[in-house]
Amino acid sequence: MTATEAPPDPKPYRNSPAQRVLAFLRNTWRGLTAMRTALILLFLLALAALPGALLPQRTLNAPKTEQYIADHGWWGTLLDRLQFFDVYSSVWFSAIYLLLMISLVGCLLPRSVEYFRSMRAKPVLTPRNLARLPHFAKATTPRDPDEVLAAARARLKGWRAVERAEDDGARTISAERGYLRETGNLVFHFGMLGLIIAFALGKMYTYEGQVIVQANGSQFCNSGIYAYDSFTPGLRVDGTDLNPFCVKVNDFSAEFTEAGQPIQYRSNVQYQAGADLETGTWRNYLLEVNSPLRLAGDRVYLLGNGYSPIFTITWPDGTTRTQATQWRPTDGTATLNEGATKFDPPNITDPFERRTKQLAITGLFAPDGLLHGGVLTGGGPELTNPMVAVDVMRGDLGLDSGQSQSIFSIDQSMVDDGRLTRVARSNLNVGQSVTLDDGTVVRFDGVQRFVSLQISHDPTQTYVLGFAVVMFVGLGLSLLIKRRRLWVRVVPGGEAGTGTVVEVGGLARTDQAGYGEEFTRIADELLTGKRR
């Protein structure tokens, strides 16, 4: 290389792939554990929970969810694919939940370490020029410095204070108060973290089931998942270790307004749990909507009620069968109820012949029935004039197909294929009957009530309540306590060489009203030596 040639440009430095990956992970972690990210995730969690309140959820009401999807066509199908009808178990809700938990942990641990360090540290040095502080007072007093400092120590009792001597002979007191404000802030966020963890554990070890029980002394025993009509287990629940108990539903009563709206539901029940199961002892309990039965770690709620029409079929050979199957309300007031009561023919062993002679009684039931032009309508939800409008179907009900079907309806595909046909239609009062073409008699014998019970088990509910209380306590501390600092400088001699110059400065660490009055009161006492 000659003297006139420029030196070659050095190659730019580039990190290795491993260093770039580590830098990316470090920056991602810093961004995730920032308080701003935690607040954003908390807002997103609240936003993600909105569909769970606005849309029907499959775990709570599967028939209503399916009906919503069918009514809204492609839009309902799209929402179903995006898990909007299973919000709280959806992938996107769980992801936000998990990220919020990680973000809170990453935020709180460094803040806690810093907080304990600051708690152990002494209050900061007294500023050189106290007059620059937002709150300042100065006076010359004839008292000697020891007397002024003794009065200051007595007045600032309960403050974190430290006394220092300066090079020019002045003596100072640095005092701080209101550290519980930051304590409350941390307690609030740790309570929130505990609440999130408790909810997550609850989803793993909780279970919830619904069951319909006839209100005529029928029983339900929590012996396994097959005793339920629907059962939603947690991730760690397999249904083999449920808390054993039994509930007997003796009756049901309801109160309604003049407009037919329900006021109160009540059911007299009896229950067995623990040692009562071995001794056969039954204990009484009045079960109401907002008064669940608590036993064996479970809660039994009274969700709803309905009617079970009672039908008796008498076949031509004289064989009779009576059955009461619950029919579901078509609206919230049970003014009209729809359902299907299904019968197998007696004394027929040939499966092919049996599938051609099965009977189903479908239609509407009204507890206060009215006929308008031969059409049954409901006058109200109270049981005053029970009537049914029924279609009697005969043929193959599809009960042997191996596929589950609703107890409230028949398999419409059997009707479409012609394997299930209508053989009679009639409006019946209690005691009335209709005779089929083969001599079979279908009689409406009356009605009985049923109740819908929900059994809920959540071992974390006490922890959820505890963490919620902790959050409110922490929030109260962070809102009510003021963080402030105060400094006192005592200079002997003064300008004329006599007396003592006392300077008092104050600084509020939070933008909260009230410290000005407190500072004025403390400064006046320290400067004048008179306790107010």
Protein backbone atom coordinates (compact mmCIF):
# COMPACT_ATOMS: atom_id res chain seq x y z
CA MET A 1 0.00 0.00 0.00
CA THR A 2 1.46 3.39 -1.06
CA ALA A 3 1.27 6.60 0.91
CA THR A 4 -1.45 7.93 -1.39
CA GLU A 5 -3.72 4.88 -1.00
CA ALA A 6 -6.47 4.99 1.63
CA PRO A 7 -6.58 2.17 4.14
CA PRO A 8 -9.29 -0.40 3.46
CA ASP A 9 -12.62 0.04 5.32
CA PRO A 10 -12.89 -2.27 8.30
CA LYS A 11 -15.62 -4.86 8.11
CA PRO A 12 -18.69 -3.86 10.13
CA TYR A 13 -19.09 -5.78 13.35
CA ARG A 14 -22.07 -8.12 13.40
CA ASN A 15 -23.32 -10.15 16.29
CA SER A 16 -23.31 -13.89 15.99
CA PRO A 17 -26.67 -15.70 15.49
CA ALA A 18 -26.61 -16.85 19.11
CA GLN A 19 -26.08 -13.28 20.32
CA ARG A 20 -28.93 -12.02 18.15
CA VAL A 21 -31.26 -14.71 19.51
CA LEU A 22 -30.28 -13.86 23.09
CA ALA A 23 -30.81 -10.14 22.40
CA PHE A 24 -34.24 -10.86 20.93
CA LEU A 25 -35.25 -12.99 23.92
CA ARG A 26 -33.93 -10.37 26.36
CA ASN A 27 -35.83 -7.53 24.68
CA THR A 28 -38.97 -9.66 24.48
CA TRP A 29 -38.76 -10.45 28.18
CA ARG A 30 -38.24 -6.79 29.06
CA GLY A 31 -41.22 -5.79 26.97
CA LEU A 32 -43.42 -8.54 28.41
CA THR A 33 -42.55 -7.72 32.02
CA ALA A 34 -43.08 -3.98 31.68
CA MET A 35 -45.94 -2.55 33.73
CA ARG A 36 -47.41 -1.02 30.58
CA THR A 37 -47.62 -4.48 29.01
CA ALA A 38 -49.33 -5.86 32.13
CA LEU A 39 -51.95 -3.10 31.96
CA ILE A 40 -52.52 -3.76 28.26
CA LEU A 41 -52.93 -7.50 28.91
CA LEU A 42 -55.33 -6.78 31.78
CA PHE A 43 -57.42 -4.63 29.45
CA LEU A 44 -57.32 -7.34 26.76
CA LEU A 45 -58.43 -9.94 29.32
CA ALA A 46 -61.44 -7.81 30.26
CA LEU A 47 -62.19 -7.27 26.57
CA ALA A 48 -61.85 -10.99 25.81
CA ALA A 49 -64.32 -11.83 28.59
CA LEU A 50 -67.07 -9.73 26.99
CA PRO A 51 -68.17 -12.43 24.49
CA GLY A 52 -68.62 -14.78 27.44
CA ALA A 53 -71.21 -12.39 28.88
CA LEU A 54 -72.89 -11.39 25.61
CA LEU A 55 -73.02 -14.73 23.78
CA PRO A 56 -74.46 -18.06 24.99
CA GLN A 57 -71.78 -20.43 26.22
CA ARG A 58 -71.83 -24.11 25.38
CA THR A 59 -70.81 -25.17 28.90
CA LEU A 60 -73.77 -23.31 30.42
CA ASN A 61 -76.53 -23.89 27.88
CA ALA A 62 -75.64 -26.15 24.97
CA PRO A 63 -79.14 -26.19 23.37
CA LYS A 64 -79.35 -22.39 23.39
CA THR A 65 -75.86 -22.19 21.88
CA GLU A 66 -76.73 -24.57 19.05
CA GLN A 67 -79.93 -22.64 18.41
CA TYR A 68 -77.98 -19.37 18.26
CA ILE A 69 -75.55 -20.85 15.73
CA ALA A 70 -78.42 -22.16 13.60
CA ASP A 71 -80.27 -18.83 13.70
CA HIS A 72 -77.23 -16.79 12.60
CA GLY A 73 -76.03 -18.96 9.73
CA TRP A 74 -72.45 -18.38 8.54
CA TRP A 75 -71.85 -15.75 11.20
CA GLY A 76 -72.74 -18.20 13.98
CA THR A 77 -70.56 -20.88 12.38
CA LEU A 78 -67.61 -18.45 12.16
CA LEU A 79 -67.98 -17.45 15.81
CA ASP A 80 -68.09 -21.14 16.75
CA ARG A 81 -64.87 -21.84 14.86
CA LEU A 82 -63.24 -18.88 16.63
CA GLN A 83 -64.32 -20.40 20.00
CA PHE A 84 -66.59 -17.50 20.94
CA PHE A 85 -69.06 -19.97 22.46
CA ASP A 86 -66.34 -21.52 24.63
CA VAL A 87 -64.62 -18.29 25.61
CA TYR A 88 -63.05 -19.26 28.90
CA SER A 89 -61.49 -22.44 27.52
CA SER A 90 -60.49 -20.92 24.17
CA VAL A 91 -56.89 -20.78 22.99
CA TRP A 92 -56.81 -16.98 22.70
CA PHE A 93 -58.32 -16.37 26.16
CA SER A 94 -55.91 -18.85 27.74
CA ALA A 95 -52.98 -17.20 25.95
CA ILE A 96 -53.89 -13.76 27.29
CA TYR A 97 -54.40 -15.26 30.74
CA LEU A 98 -50.99 -16.97 30.72
CA LEU A 99 -49.17 -13.91 29.35
CA LEU A 100 -50.77 -11.71 32.02
CA MET A 101 -49.63 -14.12 34.74
CA ILE A 102 -46.05 -14.14 33.40
CA SER A 103 -46.07 -10.35 33.00
CA LEU A 104 -47.23 -9.80 36.58
CA VAL A 105 -44.59 -12.13 37.96
CA GLY A 106 -41.91 -10.38 35.91
CA CYS A 107 -43.14 -6.96 37.09
CA LEU A 108 -43.56 -7.76 40.76
CA LEU A 109 -40.36 -9.59 41.53
CA PRO A 110 -37.97 -6.71 40.58
CA ARG A 111 -40.28 -4.18 42.21
CA SER A 112 -40.38 -6.22 45.41
CA VAL A 113 -36.59 -6.48 45.51
CA GLU A 114 -36.26 -2.73 44.95
CA TYR A 115 -38.90 -2.04 47.59
CA PHE A 116 -37.12 -4.07 50.27
CA ARG A 117 -33.85 -2.36 49.40
CA SER A 118 -35.42 1.06 49.79
CA MET A 119 -37.03 -0.02 53.08
CA ARG A 120 -33.62 -0.91 54.47
CA ALA A 121 -31.93 2.23 53.14
CA LYS A 122 -31.70 5.39 55.21
CA PRO A 123 -33.69 8.47 54.18
CA VAL A 124 -31.95 10.60 51.57
CA LEU A 125 -29.56 13.41 52.49
CA THR A 126 -30.97 16.82 53.27
CA PRO A 127 -30.85 19.01 50.13
CA ARG A 128 -28.39 21.88 50.29
CA ASN A 129 -31.02 24.49 49.40
CA LEU A 130 -34.31 23.65 51.09
CA ALA A 131 -35.90 26.83 49.74
CA ARG A 132 -36.25 25.19 46.31
CA LEU A 133 -38.64 22.57 47.61
CA PRO A 134 -42.40 22.94 47.08
CA HIS A 135 -42.90 23.35 50.83
CA PHE A 136 -40.46 25.49 52.83
CA ALA A 137 -40.42 27.46 56.08
CA LYS A 138 -37.61 29.23 57.95
CA ALA A 139 -37.32 31.06 61.27
CA THR A 140 -34.83 32.04 63.96
CA THR A 141 -35.58 30.82 67.46
CA PRO A 142 -33.90 31.65 70.77
CA ARG A 143 -33.85 27.94 71.66
CA ASP A 144 -30.55 26.07 71.47
CA PRO A 145 -30.01 23.45 68.69
CA ASP A 146 -30.30 20.46 71.04
CA GLU A 147 -33.70 21.63 72.22
CA VAL A 148 -34.90 22.16 68.65
CA LEU A 149 -33.66 18.74 67.56
CA ALA A 150 -35.22 17.04 70.58
CA ALA A 151 -38.56 18.66 69.77
CA ALA A 152 -38.19 17.61 66.11
CA ARG A 153 -37.46 14.02 67.07
CA ALA A 154 -40.49 13.95 69.34
CA ARG A 155 -42.73 15.49 66.67
CA LEU A 156 -41.54 13.13 63.95
CA LYS A 157 -42.06 10.01 66.01
CA GLY A 158 -43.39 7.29 63.71
CA TRP A 159 -41.45 8.63 60.72
CA ARG A 160 -38.40 6.87 59.31
CA ALA A 161 -35.79 9.43 60.35
CA VAL A 162 -32.04 9.77 60.52
CA GLU A 163 -29.97 12.57 62.04
CA ARG A 164 -26.80 13.82 60.39
CA ALA A 165 -24.15 16.47 60.97
CA GLU A 166 -22.88 18.69 58.14
CA ASP A 167 -19.39 20.11 57.62
CA ASP A 168 -20.38 23.68 58.51
CA GLY A 169 -21.71 22.63 61.92
CA ALA A 170 -25.36 22.41 60.93
CA ARG A 171 -27.33 19.38 62.03
CA THR A 172 -30.14 17.88 60.02
CA ILE A 173 -32.97 15.37 60.28
CA SER A 174 -34.18 13.51 57.18
CA ALA A 175 -37.59 11.91 57.65
CA GLU A 176 -39.90 9.88 55.41
CA ARG A 177 -43.41 8.56 55.84
CA GLY A 178 -45.99 6.71 53.79
CA TYR A 179 -44.04 3.63 52.77
CA LEU A 180 -47.20 1.62 53.26
CA ARG A 181 -48.47 3.23 50.07
CA GLU A 182 -45.99 1.23 48.04
CA THR A 183 -46.72 -1.77 50.28
CA GLY A 184 -50.40 -1.47 49.40
CA ASN A 185 -49.51 -1.21 45.72
CA LEU A 186 -47.50 -4.42 45.88
CA VAL A 187 -50.15 -6.16 48.00
CA PHE A 188 -52.80 -5.23 45.42
CA HIS A 189 -50.79 -6.64 42.54
CA PHE A 190 -49.79 -9.79 44.45
CA GLY A 191 -53.46 -10.25 45.33
CA MET A 192 -54.31 -9.94 41.64
CA LEU A 193 -51.63 -12.48 40.77
CA GLY A 194 -52.94 -14.84 43.44
CA LEU A 195 -56.47 -14.39 42.10
CA ILE A 196 -55.35 -15.27 38.59
CA ILE A 197 -53.48 -18.36 39.83
CA ALA A 198 -56.46 -19.44 41.97
CA PHE A 199 -58.78 -19.15 38.97
CA ALA A 200 -56.35 -21.18 36.88
CA LEU A 201 -56.11 -23.92 39.52
CA GLY A 202 -59.88 -23.83 39.87
CA LYS A 203 -60.25 -24.66 36.20
CA MET A 204 -58.09 -27.73 36.80
CA TYR A 205 -59.76 -29.13 39.92
CA THR A 206 -63.33 -27.89 39.66
CA TYR A 207 -66.33 -29.68 38.24
CA GLU A 208 -69.89 -28.68 37.52
CA GLY A 209 -72.90 -30.74 36.57
CA GLN A 210 -76.62 -30.35 35.99
CA VAL A 211 -79.31 -32.89 36.71
CA ILE A 212 -83.09 -32.93 36.54
CA VAL A 213 -84.86 -34.54 39.49
CA GLN A 214 -88.59 -35.17 39.78
CA ALA A 215 -90.04 -33.31 42.78
CA ASN A 216 -91.90 -36.34 44.13
CA GLY A 217 -89.32 -37.76 46.52
CA SER A 218 -86.86 -38.77 43.79
CA GLN A 219 -83.17 -38.81 44.66
CA PHE A 220 -79.88 -37.79 43.14
CA CYS A 221 -76.62 -39.26 44.41
CA ASN A 222 -73.22 -37.83 43.55
CA SER A 223 -71.74 -41.23 42.82
CA GLY A 224 -70.30 -40.65 39.34
CA ILE A 225 -70.60 -38.68 36.16
CA TYR A 226 -73.30 -40.99 34.80
CA ALA A 227 -75.70 -39.69 37.44
CA TYR A 228 -75.66 -36.29 35.70
CA ASP A 229 -77.53 -35.09 32.65
CA SER A 230 -74.54 -32.91 31.77
CA PHE A 231 -71.12 -32.80 33.42
CA THR A 232 -68.23 -30.37 32.91
CA PRO A 233 -65.03 -31.57 34.61
CA GLY A 234 -61.82 -29.66 35.20
CA LEU A 235 -58.62 -30.68 33.49
CA ARG A 236 -57.56 -32.84 36.44
CA VAL A 237 -60.99 -34.33 37.19
CA ASP A 238 -61.90 -37.71 35.71
CA GLY A 239 -65.14 -38.21 37.65
CA THR A 240 -63.94 -41.19 39.67
CA ASP A 241 -63.37 -39.40 42.97
CA LEU A 242 -66.44 -37.22 43.50
CA ASN A 243 -67.55 -36.25 46.99
CA PRO A 244 -70.33 -38.69 47.96
CA PHE A 245 -73.71 -37.31 48.99
CA CYS A 246 -77.39 -37.78 48.15
CA VAL A 247 -80.25 -35.30 47.77
CA LYS A 248 -83.95 -36.16 47.87
CA VAL A 249 -86.36 -33.63 46.32
CA ASN A 250 -89.70 -33.84 48.11
CA ASP A 251 -91.65 -30.95 46.56
CA PHE A 252 -91.45 -27.65 44.73
CA SER A 253 -93.33 -24.37 45.00
CA ALA A 254 -93.14 -21.13 43.04
CA GLU A 255 -94.42 -17.59 43.43
CA PHE A 256 -95.27 -15.40 40.42
CA THR A 257 -96.27 -11.81 39.79
CA GLU A 258 -99.57 -10.95 38.16
CA ALA A 259 -97.71 -10.74 34.85
CA GLY A 260 -96.43 -14.30 35.28
CA GLN A 261 -92.85 -13.42 36.17
CA PRO A 262 -91.25 -15.64 38.83
CA ILE A 263 -90.62 -14.14 42.27
CA GLN A 264 -89.28 -17.06 44.24
CA TYR A 265 -88.60 -20.78 43.82
CA ARG A 266 -88.48 -23.11 46.83
CA SER A 267 -87.96 -26.81 47.26
CA ASN A 268 -87.99 -28.88 50.43
CA VAL A 269 -85.13 -31.34 50.13
CA GLN A 270 -83.38 -33.85 52.33
CA TYR A 271 -79.71 -34.75 52.10
CA GLN A 272 -77.15 -37.28 53.29
CA ALA A 273 -73.40 -36.71 53.46
CA GLY A 274 -70.48 -38.11 55.41
CA ALA A 275 -71.48 -40.40 58.25
CA ASP A 276 -75.17 -39.94 57.39
CA LEU A 277 -74.65 -42.16 54.35
CA GLU A 278 -73.75 -45.07 56.61
CA THR A 279 -76.51 -44.49 59.15
CA GLY A 280 -79.21 -43.61 56.60
CA THR A 281 -79.99 -40.32 58.33
CA TRP A 282 -81.75 -37.66 56.23
CA ARG A 283 -81.47 -33.97 57.11
CA ASN A 284 -83.96 -31.33 55.98
CA TYR A 285 -83.10 -28.20 54.03
CA LEU A 286 -85.13 -25.49 52.29
CA LEU A 287 -83.44 -25.03 48.92
CA GLU A 288 -83.95 -21.63 47.28
CA VAL A 289 -82.47 -19.91 44.25
CA ASN A 290 -80.00 -17.77 46.19
CA SER A 291 -79.53 -20.20 49.08
CA PRO A 292 -77.51 -23.20 47.89
CA LEU A 293 -77.04 -26.35 49.91
CA ARG A 294 -73.38 -26.68 50.94
CA LEU A 295 -72.14 -30.15 51.79
CA ALA A 296 -69.08 -32.34 51.33
CA GLY A 297 -67.21 -29.50 49.63
CA ASP A 298 -69.91 -29.09 46.96
CA ARG A 299 -72.71 -26.59 46.45
CA VAL A 300 -76.16 -27.60 45.23
CA TYR A 301 -78.05 -24.80 43.45
CA LEU A 302 -81.69 -24.66 42.45
CA LEU A 303 -81.51 -23.47 38.84
CA GLY A 304 -85.02 -23.92 37.49
CA ASN A 305 -88.09 -26.07 37.28
CA GLY A 306 -90.66 -27.44 34.89
CA TYR A 307 -93.48 -29.89 34.35
CA SER A 308 -93.55 -33.60 33.57
CA PRO A 309 -96.85 -34.67 31.98
CA ILE A 310 -97.94 -38.15 33.03
CA PHE A 311 -99.20 -40.45 30.26
CA THR A 312 -100.56 -43.96 30.50
CA ILE A 313 -100.71 -46.22 27.45
CA THR A 314 -102.98 -49.26 27.39
CA TRP A 315 -102.21 -51.69 24.57
CA PRO A 316 -104.89 -53.95 23.01
CA ASP A 317 -103.71 -56.93 25.09
CA GLY A 318 -104.40 -54.97 28.29
CA THR A 319 -100.77 -54.16 29.14
CA THR A 320 -100.36 -50.67 30.58
CA ARG A 321 -97.35 -48.47 31.09
CA THR A 322 -97.20 -45.08 32.80
CA GLN A 323 -94.40 -42.63 32.31
CA ALA A 324 -93.60 -39.03 33.31
CA THR A 325 -90.87 -37.30 31.29
CA GLN A 326 -89.86 -33.71 31.76
CA TRP A 327 -90.91 -31.25 29.04
CA ARG A 328 -88.94 -28.06 28.60
CA PRO A 329 -90.41 -24.55 28.64
CA THR A 330 -90.64 -22.79 25.29
CA ASP A 331 -90.05 -19.47 27.08
CA GLY A 332 -88.74 -18.28 30.45
CA THR A 333 -92.12 -18.39 32.20
CA ALA A 334 -93.12 -22.02 31.43
CA THR A 335 -96.46 -20.83 30.01
CA LEU A 336 -96.02 -23.43 27.26
CA ASN A 337 -93.78 -26.50 27.42
CA GLU A 338 -92.71 -28.88 24.68
CA GLY A 339 -91.36 -32.39 24.82
CA ALA A 340 -91.62 -36.03 23.89
CA THR A 341 -92.56 -39.03 26.02
CA LYS A 342 -91.37 -42.28 24.42
CA PHE A 343 -92.58 -45.86 24.93
CA ASP A 344 -91.37 -49.28 23.82
CA PRO A 345 -94.16 -51.79 23.00
CA PRO A 346 -94.53 -54.67 25.49
CA ASN A 347 -94.19 -58.38 24.85
CA ILE A 348 -92.33 -58.04 21.54
CA THR A 349 -88.95 -59.79 21.40
CA ASP A 350 -88.27 -59.40 17.69
CA PRO A 351 -86.14 -56.19 17.40
CA PHE A 352 -87.34 -55.44 13.85
CA GLU A 353 -91.01 -55.68 14.80
CA ARG A 354 -90.42 -53.69 17.99
CA ARG A 355 -88.88 -50.82 16.01
CA THR A 356 -92.06 -50.55 13.95
CA LYS A 357 -94.39 -50.20 16.93
CA GLN A 358 -92.60 -47.76 19.24
CA LEU A 359 -94.74 -44.82 20.37
CA ALA A 360 -93.89 -41.20 21.09
CA ILE A 361 -96.24 -38.56 22.51
CA THR A 362 -95.03 -35.14 21.37
CA GLY A 363 -96.55 -31.70 21.50
CA LEU A 364 -97.24 -28.87 23.92
CA PHE A 365 -98.25 -28.74 27.58
CA ALA A 366 -99.85 -25.70 29.24
CA PRO A 367 -100.23 -25.52 33.04
CA ASP A 368 -103.07 -23.02 32.53
CA GLY A 369 -104.38 -24.15 29.15
CA LEU A 370 -106.71 -22.20 26.89
CA LEU A 371 -108.13 -23.23 23.52
CA HIS A 372 -108.56 -20.65 20.78
CA GLY A 373 -110.01 -22.18 17.64
CA GLY A 374 -108.70 -25.58 18.61
CA VAL A 375 -105.16 -24.24 19.20
CA LEU A 376 -103.70 -24.65 22.68
CA THR A 377 -102.30 -21.49 24.30
CA GLY A 378 -100.99 -20.81 27.78
CA GLY A 379 -102.66 -18.43 30.18
CA GLY A 380 -99.87 -18.42 32.77
CA PRO A 381 -97.17 -20.48 34.48
CA GLU A 382 -99.26 -21.60 37.47
CA LEU A 383 -100.85 -25.04 37.52
CA THR A 384 -104.59 -24.22 37.31
CA ASN A 385 -105.90 -25.96 34.19
CA PRO A 386 -103.34 -28.43 32.80
CA MET A 387 -103.85 -29.36 29.15
CA VAL A 388 -101.82 -30.99 26.39
CA ALA A 389 -101.93 -30.79 22.62
CA VAL A 390 -100.29 -34.00 21.43
CA ASP A 391 -99.25 -35.81 18.30
CA VAL A 392 -98.93 -39.57 18.78
CA MET A 393 -96.14 -40.95 16.58
CA ARG A 394 -95.67 -44.65 15.82
CA GLY A 395 -92.74 -46.41 14.21
CA ASP A 396 -88.95 -46.40 14.69
CA LEU A 397 -87.85 -43.80 17.26
CA GLY A 398 -84.16 -44.40 16.52
CA LEU A 399 -83.48 -45.44 20.09
CA ASP A 400 -81.39 -48.42 18.92
CA SER A 401 -79.30 -46.48 16.43
CA GLY A 402 -76.41 -46.02 18.85
CA GLN A 403 -76.62 -42.23 18.50
CA SER A 404 -77.66 -39.97 21.36
CA GLN A 405 -80.80 -37.90 20.96
CA SER A 406 -82.63 -35.30 22.97
CA ILE A 407 -85.21 -36.48 25.48
CA PHE A 408 -87.27 -33.41 24.53
CA SER A 409 -87.80 -34.32 20.88
CA ILE A 410 -87.97 -37.15 18.39
CA ASP A 411 -85.50 -37.88 15.61
CA GLN A 412 -86.81 -35.80 12.70
CA SER A 413 -84.85 -37.89 10.20
CA MET A 414 -87.06 -40.87 11.09
CA VAL A 415 -90.11 -38.80 10.21
CA ASP A 416 -88.57 -37.63 6.94
CA ASP A 417 -87.75 -41.24 5.99
CA GLY A 418 -91.31 -42.36 6.73
CA ARG A 419 -90.24 -44.76 9.46
CA LEU A 420 -92.07 -42.68 12.08
CA THR A 421 -95.60 -41.50 11.29
CA ARG A 422 -98.32 -39.61 13.10
CA VAL A 423 -101.32 -41.78 14.01
CA ALA A 424 -103.32 -39.37 16.20
CA ARG A 425 -103.62 -35.71 17.15
CA SER A 426 -105.73 -34.39 20.05
CA ASN A 427 -106.13 -31.79 22.79
CA LEU A 428 -106.50 -33.47 26.18
CA ASN A 429 -107.46 -32.38 29.66
CA VAL A 430 -106.48 -34.43 32.72
CA GLY A 431 -108.23 -37.80 32.56
CA GLN A 432 -109.05 -37.62 28.85
CA SER A 433 -107.68 -40.10 26.32
CA VAL A 434 -107.34 -40.76 22.63
CA THR A 435 -107.71 -44.19 20.96
CA LEU A 436 -105.37 -45.19 18.11
CA ASP A 437 -106.33 -47.18 15.01
CA ASP A 438 -105.15 -50.46 16.53
CA GLY A 439 -107.11 -49.98 19.76
CA THR A 440 -104.23 -48.61 21.84
CA VAL A 441 -105.44 -45.98 24.34
CA VAL A 442 -103.29 -42.98 25.29
CA ARG A 443 -104.50 -41.22 28.45
CA PHE A 444 -103.30 -37.93 30.00
CA ASP A 445 -103.23 -38.65 33.74
CA GLY A 446 -101.89 -35.37 35.12
CA VAL A 447 -98.59 -33.65 35.73
CA GLN A 448 -95.82 -33.49 38.29
CA ARG A 449 -93.06 -30.93 38.87
CA PHE A 450 -89.35 -31.36 38.37
CA VAL A 451 -86.40 -29.22 39.45
CA SER A 452 -83.11 -28.54 37.73
CA LEU A 453 -80.15 -28.77 40.10
CA GLN A 454 -76.58 -27.67 39.55
CA ILE A 455 -73.78 -29.23 41.57
CA SER A 456 -70.61 -27.14 41.69
CA HIS A 457 -67.28 -28.08 43.22
CA ASP A 458 -64.48 -25.51 43.41
CA PRO A 459 -61.75 -26.09 46.02
CA THR A 460 -60.20 -22.68 45.25
CA GLN A 461 -63.22 -20.51 46.03
CA THR A 462 -61.93 -19.68 49.54
CA TYR A 463 -58.60 -18.64 48.08
CA VAL A 464 -60.32 -16.54 45.44
CA LEU A 465 -62.25 -14.72 48.16
CA GLY A 466 -59.09 -14.27 50.23
CA PHE A 467 -57.11 -12.82 47.33
CA ALA A 468 -60.00 -10.53 46.45
CA VAL A 469 -59.98 -9.17 50.02
CA VAL A 470 -56.21 -8.74 49.81
CA MET A 471 -56.65 -6.76 46.60
CA PHE A 472 -59.17 -4.40 48.22
CA VAL A 473 -56.93 -3.92 51.27
CA GLY A 474 -53.94 -3.16 49.07
CA LEU A 475 -55.98 -0.80 46.92
CA GLY A 476 -57.19 1.05 50.04
CA LEU A 477 -53.64 1.44 51.33
CA SER A 478 -52.34 2.73 48.00
CA LEU A 479 -55.19 5.25 47.68
CA LEU A 480 -55.43 6.54 51.26
CA ILE A 481 -51.80 6.74 52.36
CA LYS A 482 -49.65 9.67 51.21
CA ARG A 483 -45.96 9.29 50.56
CA ARG A 484 -44.03 12.35 51.79
CA ARG A 485 -40.60 13.53 52.94
CA LEU A 486 -39.55 16.20 55.40
CA TRP A 487 -36.15 17.71 56.25
CA VAL A 488 -35.12 19.85 59.19
CA ARG A 489 -31.84 21.83 59.23
CA VAL A 490 -30.72 23.45 62.48
CA VAL A 491 -27.92 26.04 62.18
CA PRO A 492 -26.56 27.49 65.46
CA GLY A 493 -25.66 31.21 65.71
CA GLY A 494 -27.98 32.75 63.14
CA GLU A 495 -27.13 35.94 61.22
CA ALA A 496 -26.45 38.02 64.37
CA GLY A 497 -24.52 35.23 66.02
CA THR A 498 -27.31 34.52 68.47
CA GLY A 499 -30.23 32.10 68.45
CA THR A 500 -30.77 29.15 66.16
CA VAL A 501 -31.86 29.17 62.52
CA VAL A 502 -34.37 26.43 61.75
CA GLU A 503 -35.23 25.47 58.16
CA VAL A 504 -37.98 23.01 57.31
CA GLY A 505 -38.57 21.62 53.82
CA GLY A 506 -41.13 19.16 52.55
CA LEU A 507 -41.81 17.16 49.41
CA ALA A 508 -44.86 15.03 48.58
CA ARG A 509 -43.91 11.90 46.65
CA THR A 510 -47.44 11.59 45.29
CA ASP A 511 -49.77 14.10 43.70
CA GLN A 512 -52.31 14.09 46.45
CA ALA A 513 -53.87 17.01 48.28
CA GLY A 514 -53.49 17.40 52.03
CA TYR A 515 -49.72 17.44 52.54
CA GLY A 516 -49.58 21.24 52.42
CA GLU A 517 -51.75 21.50 55.51
CA GLU A 518 -49.79 18.78 57.30
CA PHE A 519 -46.46 20.41 56.45
CA THR A 520 -47.66 23.84 57.62
CA ARG A 521 -48.78 22.36 60.93
CA ILE A 522 -45.49 20.47 61.51
CA ALA A 523 -43.32 23.41 60.44
CA ASP A 524 -45.21 25.82 62.70
CA GLU A 525 -44.68 23.51 65.68
CA LEU A 526 -40.97 23.09 64.94
CA LEU A 527 -40.33 26.80 64.35
CA THR A 528 -42.33 28.14 67.30
CA GLY A 529 -41.85 25.25 69.71
CA LYS A 530 -45.57 25.23 70.46
CA ARG A 531 -47.62 22.06 69.92
CA ARG A 532 -50.83 22.66 68.03
